[in-house]
C-alpha atoms as a PDB file:
ATOM      1  CA  MET A   1     -24.297  24.057   1.983  1.00  0.00           C
ATOM      2  CA  HIS A   2     -25.508  22.621  -1.351  1.00  0.00           C
ATOM      3  CA  ALA A   3     -21.751  22.621  -2.494  1.00  0.00           C
ATOM      4  CA  VAL A   4     -21.010  19.917   0.047  1.00  0.00           C
ATOM      5  CA  ILE A   5     -24.091  17.940  -0.453  1.00  0.00           C
ATOM      6  CA  VAL A   6     -23.228  15.071  -3.245  1.00  0.00           C
ATOM      7  CA  ASP A   7     -26.661  13.518  -2.771  1.00  0.00           C
ATOM      8  CA  CYS A   8     -30.015  13.660  -0.535  1.00  0.00           C
ATOM      9  CA  ALA A   9     -32.691  10.882  -0.914  1.00  0.00           C
ATOM     10  CA  ILE A  10     -35.391   9.359   1.114  1.00  0.00           C
ATOM     11  CA  TYR A  11     -36.141   5.835   0.642  1.00  0.00           C
ATOM     12  CA  ARG A  12     -39.395   4.261   1.412  1.00  0.00           C
ATOM     13  CA  GLU A  13     -39.546   0.392   1.423  1.00  0.00           C
ATOM     14  CA  GLY A  14     -36.332   0.031  -0.470  1.00  0.00           C
ATOM     15  CA  CYS A  15     -37.284   2.461  -3.322  1.00  0.00           C
ATOM     16  CA  ARG A  16     -36.293   6.130  -3.668  1.00  0.00           C
ATOM     17  CA  THR A  17     -38.855   8.550  -3.441  1.00  0.00           C
ATOM     18  CA  GLU A  18     -39.088  12.380  -4.174  1.00  0.00           C
ATOM     19  CA  GLY A  19     -38.907  14.385  -0.850  1.00  0.00           C
ATOM     20  CA  PRO A  20     -38.188  18.069   0.444  1.00  0.00           C
ATOM     21  CA  SER A  21     -35.508  19.585  -1.206  1.00  0.00           C
ATOM     22  CA  ASP A  22     -34.267  20.912   2.396  1.00  0.00           C
ATOM     23  CA  PHE A  23     -32.699  18.058   4.386  1.00  0.00           C
ATOM     24  CA  SER A  24     -33.957  18.890   7.799  1.00  0.00           C
ATOM     25  CA  GLU A  25     -37.661  18.566   6.010  1.00  0.00           C
ATOM     26  CA  ALA A  26     -36.484  15.251   4.474  1.00  0.00           C
ATOM     27  CA  LEU A  27     -35.377  13.962   7.898  1.00  0.00           C
ATOM     28  CA  GLU A  28     -38.529  15.078   9.555  1.00  0.00           C
ATOM     29  CA  GLU A  29     -40.302  13.170   6.649  1.00  0.00           C
ATOM     30  CA  ALA A  30     -38.315  10.106   7.149  1.00  0.00           C
ATOM     31  CA  ARG A  31     -38.704   9.741  10.907  1.00  0.00           C
ATOM     32  CA  SER A  32     -42.537  10.063  10.338  1.00  0.00           C
ATOM     33  CA  ALA A  33     -42.794   6.393   9.309  1.00  0.00           C
ATOM     34  CA  GLN A  34     -40.996   3.015  10.230  1.00  0.00           C
ATOM     35  CA  ASP A  35     -40.318   2.016   6.516  1.00  0.00           C
ATOM     36  CA  ARG A  36     -38.504   5.209   5.468  1.00  0.00           C
ATOM     37  CA  PHE A  37     -34.798   6.542   6.278  1.00  0.00           C
ATOM     38  CA  LEU A  38     -32.760   9.440   4.791  1.00  0.00           C
ATOM     39  CA  TRP A  39     -29.257   9.033   3.153  1.00  0.00           C
ATOM     40  CA  ILE A  40     -27.296  12.328   2.709  1.00  0.00           C
ATOM     41  CA  GLY A  41     -23.760  12.250   1.062  1.00  0.00           C
ATOM     42  CA  LEU A  42     -21.418  15.076   2.139  1.00  0.00           C
ATOM     43  CA  HIS A  43     -18.065  15.902   0.757  1.00  0.00           C
ATOM     44  CA  GLU A  44     -15.316  17.621   2.662  1.00  0.00           C
ATOM     45  CA  PRO A  45     -17.554  19.673   4.657  1.00  0.00           C
ATOM     46  CA  THR A  46     -16.319  22.488   6.849  1.00  0.00           C
ATOM     47  CA  GLU A  47     -17.063  23.078  10.432  1.00  0.00           C
ATOM     48  CA  GLU A  48     -19.524  25.808   9.869  1.00  0.00           C
ATOM     49  CA  GLU A  49     -21.281  23.584   6.880  1.00  0.00           C
ATOM     50  CA  PHE A  50     -21.433  20.591   8.882  1.00  0.00           C
ATOM     51  CA  ALA A  51     -22.873  22.246  12.170  1.00  0.00           C
ATOM     52  CA  LEU A  52     -26.529  22.386  10.975  1.00  0.00           C
ATOM     53  CA  VAL A  53     -26.202  18.485  10.215  1.00  0.00           C
ATOM     54  CA  THR A  54     -24.645  17.953  13.510  1.00  0.00           C
ATOM     55  CA  SER A  55     -27.734  19.805  15.096  1.00  0.00           C
ATOM     56  CA  GLU A  56     -30.319  18.242  13.205  1.00  0.00           C
ATOM     57  CA  PHE A  57     -29.243  14.433  13.353  1.00  0.00           C
ATOM     58  CA  GLY A  58     -28.122  14.784  16.854  1.00  0.00           C
ATOM     59  CA  LEU A  59     -24.594  13.688  16.085  1.00  0.00           C
ATOM     60  CA  HIS A  60     -21.950  13.128  18.867  1.00  0.00           C
ATOM     61  CA  PRO A  61     -19.519  15.984  19.473  1.00  0.00           C
ATOM     62  CA  LEU A  62     -16.534  13.514  19.125  1.00  0.00           C
ATOM     63  CA  ALA A  63     -17.605  11.898  16.134  1.00  0.00           C
ATOM     64  CA  VAL A  64     -18.182  15.251  14.291  1.00  0.00           C
ATOM     65  CA  GLU A  65     -14.789  16.110  15.401  1.00  0.00           C
ATOM     66  CA  ASP A  66     -13.215  12.846  13.893  1.00  0.00           C
ATOM     67  CA  SER A  67     -15.182  13.287  10.582  1.00  0.00           C
ATOM     68  CA  LEU A  68     -14.025  16.986  10.086  1.00  0.00           C
ATOM     69  CA  SER A  69     -10.101  16.284  11.065  1.00  0.00           C
ATOM     70  CA  ALA A  70      -9.890  13.414   8.368  1.00  0.00           C
ATOM     71  CA  HIS A  71      -6.800  11.738  10.014  1.00  0.00           C
ATOM     72  CA  GLN A  72      -8.462   8.730  11.686  1.00  0.00           C
ATOM     73  CA  ARG A  73      -7.768   5.096  11.872  1.00  0.00           C
ATOM     74  CA  PRO A  74     -10.621   2.632  10.651  1.00  0.00           C
ATOM     75  CA  LYS A  75     -12.931   2.119  13.859  1.00  0.00           C
ATOM     76  CA  LEU A  76     -16.274   1.694  14.737  1.00  0.00           C
ATOM     77  CA  GLU A  77     -17.803   3.792  17.464  1.00  0.00           C
ATOM     78  CA  VAL A  78     -21.342   3.201  19.301  1.00  0.00           C
ATOM     79  CA  TYR A  79     -22.752   6.558  20.713  1.00  0.00           C
ATOM     80  CA  GLU A  80     -26.227   7.089  21.885  1.00  0.00           C
ATOM     81  CA  ASP A  81     -28.007   8.303  19.170  1.00  0.00           C
ATOM     82  CA  SER A  82     -25.875   6.891  16.334  1.00  0.00           C
ATOM     83  CA  LEU A  83     -23.321   4.339  15.059  1.00  0.00           C
ATOM     84  CA  PHE A  84     -19.887   5.995  13.819  1.00  0.00           C
ATOM     85  CA  ALA A  85     -17.569   4.196  11.390  1.00  0.00           C
ATOM     86  CA  VAL A  86     -14.522   5.292   9.936  1.00  0.00           C
ATOM     87  CA  LEU A  87     -13.042   3.588   6.813  1.00  0.00           C
ATOM     88  CA  LYS A  88     -10.338   4.204   4.484  1.00  0.00           C
ATOM     89  CA  PRO A  89     -10.758   3.846   0.852  1.00  0.00           C
ATOM     90  CA  VAL A  90      -7.583   2.756  -1.045  1.00  0.00           C
ATOM     91  CA  VAL A  91      -6.451   4.543  -4.409  1.00  0.00           C
ATOM     92  CA  TYR A  92      -4.150   3.076  -6.815  1.00  0.00           C
ATOM     93  CA  GLU A  93      -2.459   5.035  -9.293  1.00  0.00           C
ATOM     94  CA  PRO A  94      -1.340   2.793 -12.546  1.00  0.00           C
ATOM     95  CA  GLN A  95       1.006   5.795 -14.006  1.00  0.00           C
ATOM     96  CA  SER A  96       3.109   5.973 -10.903  1.00  0.00           C
ATOM     97  CA  ASP A  97       2.444   2.724  -9.090  1.00  0.00           C
ATOM     98  CA  THR A  98       1.608   4.396  -5.935  1.00  0.00           C
ATOM     99  CA  VAL A  99      -1.190   3.635  -3.337  1.00  0.00           C
ATOM    100  CA  SER A 100      -2.440   6.646  -1.330  1.00  0.00           C
ATOM    101  CA  THR A 101      -5.785   6.528   1.243  1.00  0.00           C
ATOM    102  CA  ASP A 102      -8.767   8.659   1.381  1.00  0.00           C
ATOM    103  CA  GLU A 103     -11.310   8.698   4.450  1.00  0.00           C
ATOM    104  CA  LEU A 104     -15.092   7.820   4.457  1.00  0.00           C
ATOM    105  CA  MET A 105     -17.240   8.399   7.428  1.00  0.00           C
ATOM    106  CA  ILE A 106     -20.614   7.084   7.965  1.00  0.00           C
ATOM    107  CA  PHE A 107     -23.046   8.034  10.881  1.00  0.00           C
ATOM    108  CA  VAL A 108     -25.974   5.467  10.948  1.00  0.00           C
ATOM    109  CA  GLY A 109     -28.998   6.205  13.079  1.00  0.00           C
ATOM    110  CA  ASP A 110     -32.761   4.822  13.621  1.00  0.00           C
ATOM    111  CA  SER A 111     -33.831   6.627  10.153  1.00  0.00           C
ATOM    112  CA  PHE A 112     -30.949   8.263   8.595  1.00  0.00           C
ATOM    113  CA  ALA A 113     -27.296   7.601   7.087  1.00  0.00           C
ATOM    114  CA  VAL A 114     -24.969  10.437   6.522  1.00  0.00           C
ATOM    115  CA  THR A 115     -21.760   9.772   4.742  1.00  0.00           C
ATOM    116  CA  VAL A 116     -18.757  12.241   4.871  1.00  0.00           C
ATOM    117  CA  ARG A 117     -16.040  11.712   2.193  1.00  0.00           C
ATOM    118  CA  HIS A 118     -12.581  13.254   2.278  1.00  0.00           C
ATOM    119  CA  GLY A 119     -10.546  13.096  -1.075  1.00  0.00           C
ATOM    120  CA  GLU A 120     -11.183  12.464  -4.416  1.00  0.00           C
ATOM    121  CA  GLY A 121     -10.958   8.716  -4.397  1.00  0.00           C
ATOM    122  CA  ALA A 122     -14.102   6.267  -3.707  1.00  0.00           C
ATOM    123  CA  PRO A 123     -16.927   8.032  -4.912  1.00  0.00           C
ATOM    124  CA  LEU A 124     -19.964   6.726  -3.679  1.00  0.00           C
ATOM    125  CA  ALA A 125     -22.394   7.221  -6.577  1.00  0.00           C
ATOM    126  CA  ALA A 126     -21.903   3.715  -8.061  1.00  0.00           C
ATOM    127  CA  VAL A 127     -22.562   2.147  -4.371  1.00  0.00           C
ATOM    128  CA  ARG A 128     -25.656   4.301  -4.214  1.00  0.00           C
ATOM    129  CA  LYS A 129     -26.922   3.333  -7.612  1.00  0.00           C
ATOM    130  CA  ARG A 130     -26.078  -0.500  -7.004  1.00  0.00           C
ATOM    131  CA  LEU A 131     -28.249  -0.089  -3.908  1.00  0.00           C
ATOM    132  CA  GLU A 132     -31.142   1.472  -5.521  1.00  0.00           C
ATOM    133  CA  SER A 133     -31.187  -1.410  -7.773  1.00  0.00           C
ATOM    134  CA  ASP A 134     -31.997  -3.818  -5.251  1.00  0.00           C
ATOM    135  CA  PRO A 135     -34.752  -2.520  -3.027  1.00  0.00           C
ATOM    136  CA  GLN A 136     -34.868  -5.903  -1.116  1.00  0.00           C
ATOM    137  CA  LEU A 137     -31.294  -5.091   0.431  1.00  0.00           C
ATOM    138  CA  LEU A 138     -32.084  -1.294   0.783  1.00  0.00           C
ATOM    139  CA  SER A 139     -35.399  -2.101   2.789  1.00  0.00           C
ATOM    140  CA  HIS A 140     -33.091  -2.948   5.637  1.00  0.00           C
ATOM    141  CA  GLY A 141     -32.723   0.617   6.375  1.00  0.00           C
ATOM    142  CA  PRO A 142     -29.356   2.478   7.109  1.00  0.00           C
ATOM    143  CA  THR A 143     -27.658  -0.693   7.695  1.00  0.00           C
ATOM    144  CA  SER A 144     -27.635  -1.431   4.165  1.00  0.00           C
ATOM    145  CA  VAL A 145     -25.997   1.796   3.499  1.00  0.00           C
ATOM    146  CA  LEU A 146     -23.221   0.629   5.858  1.00  0.00           C
ATOM    147  CA  TYR A 147     -23.030  -2.781   4.295  1.00  0.00           C
ATOM    148  CA  ALA A 148     -23.014  -1.587   0.701  1.00  0.00           C
ATOM    149  CA  VAL A 149     -20.230   1.135   1.670  1.00  0.00           C
ATOM    150  CA  SER A 150     -18.051  -1.357   3.432  1.00  0.00           C
ATOM    151  CA  ASP A 151     -18.607  -3.743   1.010  1.00  0.00           C
ATOM    152  CA  ALA A 152     -17.273  -1.521  -1.866  1.00  0.00           C
ATOM    153  CA  VAL A 153     -14.374  -0.345  -0.050  1.00  0.00           C
ATOM    154  CA  VAL A 154     -13.085  -3.935   1.060  1.00  0.00           C
ATOM    155  CA  ASP A 155     -13.937  -4.956  -2.518  1.00  0.00           C
ATOM    156  CA  HIS A 156     -11.574  -2.472  -3.918  1.00  0.00           C
ATOM    157  CA  TYR A 157      -8.942  -3.558  -1.391  1.00  0.00           C
ATOM    158  CA  MET A 158      -8.812  -6.905  -3.135  1.00  0.00           C
ATOM    159  CA  GLU A 159      -8.404  -5.198  -6.702  1.00  0.00           C
ATOM    160  CA  VAL A 160      -5.706  -3.118  -5.415  1.00  0.00           C
ATOM    161  CA  ALA A 161      -3.865  -6.057  -3.898  1.00  0.00           C
ATOM    162  CA  ALA A 162      -3.997  -7.677  -7.555  1.00  0.00           C
ATOM    163  CA  GLU A 163      -2.295  -4.542  -8.709  1.00  0.00           C
ATOM    164  CA  LEU A 164       0.170  -4.704  -6.571  1.00  0.00           C
ATOM    165  CA  GLN A 165       1.035  -8.349  -6.995  1.00  0.00           C
ATOM    166  CA  THR A 166       1.422  -7.533 -10.488  1.00  0.00           C
ATOM    167  CA  ASP A 167       3.992  -4.820  -9.732  1.00  0.00           C
ATOM    168  CA  LEU A 168       5.665  -7.296  -7.150  1.00  0.00           C
ATOM    169  CA  GLU A 169       6.125  -9.722 -10.139  1.00  0.00           C
ATOM    170  CA  GLU A 170       7.714  -7.129 -12.053  1.00  0.00           C
ATOM    171  CA  LEU A 171      10.032  -6.326  -9.554  1.00  0.00           C
ATOM    172  CA  GLU A 172      10.984  -9.624  -8.614  1.00  0.00           C
ATOM    173  CA  ALA A 173      11.900 -10.295 -12.304  1.00  0.00           C
ATOM    174  CA  GLU A 174      14.232  -7.426 -12.446  1.00  0.00           C
ATOM    175  CA  VAL A 175      15.782  -8.384  -9.130  1.00  0.00           C
ATOM    176  CA  PHE A 176      16.535 -11.994 -10.047  1.00  0.00           C
ATOM    177  CA  ALA A 177      17.524 -10.887 -13.642  1.00  0.00           C
ATOM    178  CA  PRO A 178      20.737 -12.210 -14.997  1.00  0.00           C
ATOM    179  CA  GLN A 179      22.160  -9.020 -15.591  1.00  0.00           C
ATOM    180  CA  GLY A 180      21.372  -7.466 -12.116  1.00  0.00           C
ATOM    181  CA  GLY A 181      20.139  -4.281 -13.260  1.00  0.00           C
ATOM    182  CA  ASP A 182      20.643  -0.945 -11.496  1.00  0.00           C
ATOM    183  CA  ALA A 183      21.601  -1.870  -8.295  1.00  0.00           C
ATOM    184  CA  LYS A 184      20.977   1.624  -6.688  1.00  0.00           C
ATOM    185  CA  GLY A 185      17.626   2.008  -8.434  1.00  0.00           C
ATOM    186  CA  THR A 186      16.407  -1.379  -7.589  1.00  0.00           C
ATOM    187  CA  ALA A 187      16.887  -0.690  -3.863  1.00  0.00           C
ATOM    188  CA  ALA A 188      15.076   2.289  -4.006  1.00  0.00           C
ATOM    189  CA  ARG A 189      12.173   0.734  -5.746  1.00  0.00           C
ATOM    190  CA  ILE A 190      11.870  -2.078  -3.246  1.00  0.00           C
ATOM    191  CA  TYR A 191      11.970   0.433  -0.379  1.00  0.00           C
ATOM    192  CA  THR A 192       9.382   2.631  -2.128  1.00  0.00           C
ATOM    193  CA  PHE A 193       7.286  -0.419  -2.622  1.00  0.00           C
ATOM    194  CA  LYS A 194       7.455  -1.168   1.099  1.00  0.00           C
ATOM    195  CA  ARG A 195       6.241   2.093   1.806  1.00  0.00           C
ATOM    196  CA  GLN A 196       3.184   1.527  -0.450  1.00  0.00           C
ATOM    197  CA  VAL A 197       2.336  -1.883   1.291  1.00  0.00           C
ATOM    198  CA  LEU A 198       2.758  -0.002   4.670  1.00  0.00           C
ATOM    199  CA  GLU A 199       0.273   2.668   3.664  1.00  0.00           C
ATOM    200  CA  PHE A 200      -2.303   0.127   2.494  1.00  0.00           C
ATOM    201  CA  ARG A 201      -1.886  -2.019   5.574  1.00  0.00           C
ATOM    202  CA  ARG A 202      -2.760   0.869   7.565  1.00  0.00           C
ATOM    203  CA  ALA A 203      -6.070   1.193   5.986  1.00  0.00           C
ATOM    204  CA  THR A 204      -6.861  -2.719   5.850  1.00  0.00           C
ATOM    205  CA  GLY A 205      -5.402  -3.913   9.096  1.00  0.00           C
ATOM    206  CA  PRO A 206      -7.581  -1.763  11.774  1.00  0.00           C
ATOM    207  CA  LEU A 207     -10.703  -2.376   9.601  1.00  0.00           C
ATOM    208  CA  ALA A 208     -10.620  -6.212  11.007  1.00  0.00           C
ATOM    209  CA  GLN A 209     -11.922  -5.490  14.594  1.00  0.00           C
ATOM    210  CA  PRO A 210     -14.769  -3.235  13.299  1.00  0.00           C
ATOM    211  CA  MET A 211     -15.777  -5.805  10.845  1.00  0.00           C
ATOM    212  CA  GLN A 212     -16.058  -8.511  13.318  1.00  0.00           C
ATOM    213  CA  ARG A 213     -18.135  -6.330  15.782  1.00  0.00           C
ATOM    214  CA  LEU A 214     -20.598  -5.549  13.018  1.00  0.00           C
ATOM    215  CA  SER A 215     -21.004  -9.211  12.047  1.00  0.00           C
ATOM    216  CA  SER A 216     -21.850  -9.721  15.647  1.00  0.00           C
ATOM    217  CA  PRO A 217     -25.282  -9.683  17.053  1.00  0.00           C
ATOM    218  CA  GLY A 218     -26.487  -7.176  19.537  1.00  0.00           C
ATOM    219  CA  LEU A 219     -25.134  -3.915  18.129  1.00  0.00           C
ATOM    220  CA  PRO A 220     -27.229  -1.077  18.155  1.00  0.00           C
ATOM    221  CA  PHE A 221     -28.436   0.666  14.906  1.00  0.00           C
ATOM    222  CA  VAL A 222     -27.712  -2.369  13.005  1.00  0.00           C
ATOM    223  CA  HIS A 223     -30.252  -4.681  11.403  1.00  0.00           C
ATOM    224  CA  ASP A 224     -31.059  -8.024  12.934  1.00  0.00           C
ATOM    225  CA  HIS A 225     -30.442  -9.963   9.753  1.00  0.00           C
ATOM    226  CA  ALA A 226     -27.570  -7.924   8.486  1.00  0.00           C
ATOM    227  CA  GLN A 227     -24.922 -10.354  10.242  1.00  0.00           C
ATOM    228  CA  PRO A 228     -24.310 -12.510   7.449  1.00  0.00           C
ATOM    229  CA  PHE A 229     -23.674  -9.912   4.944  1.00  0.00           C
ATOM    230  CA  PHE A 230     -20.981  -8.213   7.491  1.00  0.00           C
ATOM    231  CA  ARG A 231     -19.648 -11.501   7.852  1.00  0.00           C
ATOM    232  CA  ASP A 232     -18.975 -11.856   4.126  1.00  0.00           C
ATOM    233  CA  VAL A 233     -17.260  -8.309   4.076  1.00  0.00           C
ATOM    234  CA  SER A 234     -15.166  -9.559   7.161  1.00  0.00           C
ATOM    235  CA  ASP A 235     -14.139 -12.603   5.008  1.00  0.00           C
ATOM    236  CA  HIS A 236     -12.939 -10.460   2.184  1.00  0.00           C
ATOM    237  CA  LEU A 237     -11.136  -8.138   4.298  1.00  0.00           C
ATOM    238  CA  THR A 238      -9.352 -11.212   6.112  1.00  0.00           C
ATOM    239  CA  ARG A 239      -8.130 -12.170   2.356  1.00  0.00           C
ATOM    240  CA  ALA A 240      -6.971  -8.852   1.432  1.00  0.00           C
ATOM    241  CA  ASN A 241      -5.077  -8.577   5.074  1.00  0.00           C
ATOM    242  CA  GLU A 242      -3.626 -11.987   3.957  1.00  0.00           C
ATOM    243  CA  GLN A 243      -2.456 -10.701   0.796  1.00  0.00           C
ATOM    244  CA  VAL A 244      -0.887  -7.531   1.986  1.00  0.00           C
ATOM    245  CA  ASP A 245       0.887  -9.612   4.588  1.00  0.00           C
ATOM    246  CA  GLY A 246       2.053 -11.874   1.802  1.00  0.00           C
ATOM    247  CA  LEU A 247       3.278  -8.867  -0.154  1.00  0.00           C
ATOM    248  CA  ASP A 248       5.117  -7.701   2.728  1.00  0.00           C
ATOM    249  CA  ARG A 249       6.800 -10.928   3.252  1.00  0.00           C
ATOM    250  CA  LEU A 250       7.824 -11.243   0.022  1.00  0.00           C
ATOM    251  CA  LEU A 251       9.267  -7.631  -0.303  1.00  0.00           C
ATOM    252  CA  SER A 252      11.304  -8.632   2.562  1.00  0.00           C
ATOM    253  CA  ASP A 253      12.752 -11.487   1.208  1.00  0.00           C
ATOM    254  CA  ILE A 254      13.312  -9.906  -2.449  1.00  0.00           C
ATOM    255  CA  LEU A 255      15.324  -7.121  -0.239  1.00  0.00           C
ATOM    256  CA  SER A 256      17.434  -9.751   1.443  1.00  0.00           C
ATOM    257  CA  ALA A 257      18.145 -11.537  -1.827  1.00  0.00           C
ATOM    258  CA  HIS A 258      19.023  -8.243  -3.394  1.00  0.00           C
ATOM    259  CA  LEU A 259      21.613  -7.326  -0.514  1.00  0.00           C
ATOM    260  CA  ALA A 260      22.806 -10.855  -0.855  1.00  0.00           C
ATOM    261  CA  GLN A 261      23.376 -10.251  -4.744  1.00  0.00           C
ATOM    262  CA  MET A 262      24.898  -6.858  -3.966  1.00  0.00           C
ATOM    263  CA  GLY A 263      27.591  -8.734  -1.666  1.00  0.00           C
ATOM    264  CA  VAL A 264      28.291 -11.284  -4.142  1.00  0.00           C
ATOM    265  CA  ARG A 265      28.984  -8.688  -6.776  1.00  0.00           C
ATOM    266  CA  GLN A 266      31.109  -6.816  -4.365  1.00  0.00           C
ATOM    267  CA  ASN A 267      33.137 -10.057  -3.508  1.00  0.00           C
ATOM    268  CA  ASP A 268      33.722 -10.773  -7.295  1.00  0.00           C
ATOM    269  CA  ASP A 269      34.962  -7.133  -7.548  1.00  0.00           C
ATOM    270  CA  MET A 270      37.254  -7.212  -4.736  1.00  0.00           C
ATOM    271  CA  ARG A 271      38.401 -10.666  -6.086  1.00  0.00           C
ATOM    272  CA  LYS A 272      39.040  -9.149  -9.407  1.00  0.00           C
ATOM    273  CA  ILE A 273      40.908  -6.173  -8.128  1.00  0.00           C
ATOM    274  CA  SER A 274      42.951  -8.320  -5.907  1.00  0.00           C
ATOM    275  CA  ALA A 275      43.966 -10.579  -8.896  1.00  0.00           C
ATOM    276  CA  TRP A 276      44.933  -7.653 -11.067  1.00  0.00           C
ATOM    277  CA  ALA A 277      47.022  -6.089  -8.087  1.00  0.00           C
ATOM    278  CA  ALA A 278      48.856  -9.308  -7.848  1.00  0.00           C
ATOM    279  CA  MET A 279      49.532  -9.482 -11.383  1.00  0.00           C
ATOM    280  CA  ALA A 280      51.101  -6.104 -11.188  1.00  0.00           C
ATOM    281  CA  ALA A 281      53.024  -7.025  -8.111  1.00  0.00           C
ATOM    282  CA  VAL A 282      55.475  -9.198 -10.207  1.00  0.00           C
ATOM    283  CA  PRO A 283      56.608  -6.781 -12.586  1.00  0.00           C
ATOM    284  CA  THR A 284      57.081  -4.143  -9.890  1.00  0.00           C
ATOM    285  CA  MET A 285      58.880  -6.307  -7.801  1.00  0.00           C
ATOM    286  CA  VAL A 286      61.480  -7.304 -10.712  1.00  0.00           C
ATOM    287  CA  ALA A 287      61.598  -3.453 -11.929  1.00  0.00           C
ATOM    288  CA  GLY A 288      61.997  -2.387  -8.167  1.00  0.00           C
ATOM    289  CA  ILE A 289      65.186  -4.920  -7.928  1.00  0.00           C
ATOM    290  CA  TYR A 290      66.587  -3.223 -11.234  1.00  0.00           C
ATOM    291  CA  GLY A 291      66.027   0.109 -10.181  1.00  0.00           C
ATOM    292  CA  MET A 292      68.381  -0.149  -7.452  1.00  0.00           C
ATOM    293  CA  ASN A 293      72.145   1.247  -8.203  1.00  0.00           C
ATOM    294  CA  PHE A 294      74.343  -1.354  -6.651  1.00  0.00           C
ATOM    295  CA  GLU A 295      77.886  -1.543  -7.985  1.00  0.00           C
ATOM    296  CA  HIS A 296      78.092  -5.414  -7.677  1.00  0.00           C
ATOM    297  CA  MET A 297      75.420  -7.103  -9.247  1.00  0.00           C
ATOM    298  CA  PRO A 298      76.525 -10.202 -11.267  1.00  0.00           C
ATOM    299  CA  GLU A 299      73.397 -10.052 -13.782  1.00  0.00           C
ATOM    300  CA  LEU A 300      74.466  -6.756 -14.908  1.00  0.00           C
ATOM    301  CA  GLY A 301      76.962  -8.003 -17.060  1.00  0.00           C
ATOM    302  CA  TRP A 302      75.164 -10.262 -18.906  1.00  0.00           C
ATOM    303  CA  SER A 303      74.059  -9.361 -22.662  1.00  0.00           C
ATOM    304  CA  TRP A 304      70.875 -11.565 -22.567  1.00  0.00           C
ATOM    305  CA  ALA A 305      69.588 -10.369 -19.017  1.00  0.00           C
ATOM    306  CA  TYR A 306      67.347  -7.787 -20.105  1.00  0.00           C
ATOM    307  CA  TYR A 307      65.275 -10.163 -22.339  1.00  0.00           C
ATOM    308  CA  ALA A 308      65.529 -13.125 -19.847  1.00  0.00           C
ATOM    309  CA  VAL A 309      63.881 -10.546 -17.204  1.00  0.00           C
ATOM    310  CA  LEU A 310      61.151  -9.606 -19.774  1.00  0.00           C
ATOM    311  CA  VAL A 311      60.371 -13.547 -20.538  1.00  0.00           C
ATOM    312  CA  PHE A 312      60.151 -14.200 -16.610  1.00  0.00           C
ATOM    313  CA  MET A 313      57.694 -11.541 -16.294  1.00  0.00           C
ATOM    314  CA  ALA A 314      55.610 -12.592 -19.018  1.00  0.00           C
ATOM    315  CA  VAL A 315      55.626 -16.237 -17.721  1.00  0.00           C
ATOM    316  CA  CYS A 316      54.739 -15.191 -14.257  1.00  0.00           C
ATOM    317  CA  GLU A 317      51.660 -12.841 -15.427  1.00  0.00           C
ATOM    318  CA  VAL A 318      50.402 -15.544 -18.024  1.00  0.00           C
ATOM    319  CA  GLY A 319      50.734 -18.085 -14.912  1.00  0.00           C
ATOM    320  CA  LEU A 320      49.067 -15.754 -12.499  1.00  0.00           C
ATOM    321  CA  TYR A 321      46.155 -14.932 -15.160  1.00  0.00           C
ATOM    322  CA  ARG A 322      45.515 -18.486 -15.784  1.00  0.00           C
ATOM    323  CA  LEU A 323      45.622 -19.384 -12.195  1.00  0.00           C
ATOM    324  CA  PHE A 324      43.184 -16.512 -11.273  1.00  0.00           C
ATOM    325  CA  LYS A 325      40.812 -17.514 -14.217  1.00  0.00           C
ATOM    326  CA  ARG A 326      40.726 -21.184 -13.169  1.00  0.00           C
ATOM    327  CA  ARG A 327      39.602 -20.253  -9.774  1.00  0.00           C
ATOM    328  CA  GLY A 328      36.735 -17.922 -10.933  1.00  0.00           C
ATOM    329  CA  TRP A 329      38.695 -14.709  -9.854  1.00  0.00           C
ATOM    330  CA  LEU A 330      38.666 -12.823 -13.304  1.00  0.00           C
END
């Protein structure tokens, strides 16, 4: 069990205190007074490892099932003995310019907060440290943990959105470059980028409704004065969603522009092919006539006919070339 417990601490009046090493005893101590609560952090527990936590904290079976499966949408559920929230932290890999999502579950009760993390992204050590440096905020009890974790996740959304905006500007410059670049590679990059934005949207979009619920009064297990804090998180989330929507619209416009450029280039190529084919048709026609073996062809007796035909074909070729060049076909 100790392998999955990242941290376990009792907080009294916003300050961390030394408690029993066994979290069952720590929970009992936290429930012994109103100004205390227990925060335990778990990383990818198995069903057997999480069974003891479930029985001790009285967690709802449906919430436990969701926290173990780790394939949930962001949501907020209210049960009889606890509040259950699912967040999806976003991880941006600058080396490959890819976006991936992890999962973070939070159980909030009367005197405890349990965080269950899946994946290597979004560790909560920095969040816990920041909270411990603000005893006034931490004195609000388990609600402060839910707020701090939500705030950290949503703030990271803004950072990832800024990184994606930079990548989009580079892609836009590549698409609208004078030389055009590799058409096939550019289309693949645009499609891959849209997949990254879609993955990002799956994390940010469904979280809007839970944040609105948390910013409304009357929600169980949420401190009475916590609504302004969650409204701030909701505002940041709205900005993140607007940025994601903007990225998606710009990508659609870039893809349309790229396809239009491809069509223009193909038309130019077809015009060039047609022009060269027309230029090749004139000598082919003349040579075809002279390749016919007729007995009576008046020009066959002309001594200068061969040179006249060559000059005629050259004049036709130059005339066609200048005509196509002037019209932009060549």
